[in-house]
Protein backbone atom coordinates (compact mmCIF):
# COMPACT_ATOMS: atom_id res chain seq x y z
CA UNK A 1 -0.06 0.26 0.06
CA UNK A 2 1.12 3.60 -0.77
CA UNK A 3 2.07 5.48 2.24
CA UNK A 4 -0.09 8.81 0.89
CA UNK A 5 -3.25 6.19 0.59
CA UNK A 6 -2.59 4.87 4.43
CA UNK A 7 -2.51 8.38 5.67
CA UNK A 8 -5.88 9.15 4.16
CA UNK A 9 -7.01 5.81 5.53
CA UNK A 10 -5.70 6.24 8.77
CA UNK A 11 -6.92 10.04 9.60
CA UNK A 12 -10.81 8.98 7.98
CA UNK A 13 -10.89 6.36 10.63
CA UNK A 14 -9.19 8.92 13.44
CA UNK A 15 -12.00 11.56 12.24
CA UNK A 16 -15.13 8.57 12.12
CA UNK A 17 -13.63 7.27 15.67
CA UNK A 18 -13.90 11.14 16.71
CA UNK A 19 -17.33 11.45 15.69
CA UNK A 20 -18.79 8.01 16.84
CA UNK A 21 -16.99 8.80 20.78
CA UNK A 22 -18.22 12.58 20.34
CA UNK A 23 -21.82 10.91 19.86
CA UNK A 24 -22.13 8.01 22.56
CA UNK A 25 -19.35 9.55 24.98
CA UNK A 26 -17.96 12.87 24.96
CA UNK A 27 -18.49 15.94 22.71
CA UNK A 28 -14.78 16.74 23.63
CA UNK A 29 -14.12 13.65 21.29
CA UNK A 30 -14.66 16.54 18.17
CA UNK A 31 -10.89 17.56 19.87
CA UNK A 32 -9.51 15.08 17.95
CA UNK A 33 -11.18 15.31 14.49
CA UNK A 34 -10.09 19.13 15.07
CA UNK A 35 -6.66 17.66 16.09
CA UNK A 36 -6.56 15.30 12.83
CA UNK A 37 -7.13 18.64 10.47
CA UNK A 38 -4.91 20.84 11.22
CA UNK A 39 -2.53 18.18 11.41
CA UNK A 40 -3.31 17.04 7.25
CA UNK A 41 -3.54 21.39 7.20
CA UNK A 42 -0.05 21.28 8.52
CA UNK A 43 1.29 18.79 6.65
CA UNK A 44 0.15 20.61 3.12
CA UNK A 45 2.46 23.42 4.09
CA UNK A 46 5.40 22.14 5.59
CA UNK A 47 6.28 18.55 4.46
CA UNK A 48 6.37 17.32 7.82
CA UNK A 49 3.42 14.65 8.70
CA UNK A 50 3.54 12.75 12.27
CA UNK A 51 1.41 9.45 10.34
CA UNK A 52 3.76 9.41 7.71
CA UNK A 53 6.21 8.76 10.62
CA UNK A 54 4.57 6.72 12.28
CA UNK A 55 3.35 4.16 9.52
CA UNK A 56 6.82 4.53 8.37
CA UNK A 57 7.79 2.48 11.40
CA UNK A 58 5.12 0.42 10.96
CA UNK A 59 6.47 -0.76 7.59
CA UNK A 60 4.14 1.21 5.54
CA UNK A 61 4.82 2.25 2.03
CA UNK A 62 8.20 -0.36 1.92
CA UNK A 63 8.29 -2.57 -1.08
CA UNK A 64 6.79 -5.62 -0.49
CA UNK A 65 5.28 -9.05 -1.97
CA UNK A 66 1.71 -8.10 -2.88
CA UNK A 67 3.00 -4.96 -3.94
CA UNK A 68 5.66 -6.11 -6.84
CA UNK A 69 4.90 -7.40 -10.05
CA UNK A 70 4.15 -10.71 -11.05
CA UNK A 71 7.10 -13.27 -12.43
CA UNK A 72 7.58 -12.82 -15.84
CA UNK A 73 5.46 -9.59 -16.18
CA UNK A 74 6.56 -6.32 -16.88
CA UNK A 75 6.18 -4.01 -14.28
């Protein structure tokens, strides 16, 4: 999976979790949504993305067998 796609999945998941927790637990969970949104905006301007560092340490975005072309096929 490409790093960009993984970041989008992570951000979307965090927003959905935050909205669910705000609905069922406490409206203060909307601060998590605000944090994710601010982080996406600042990363667009600065190029620094903490989620990218976190996912990179988990091995996301590095080549793996499922991302490489099948044997005998050209890329």
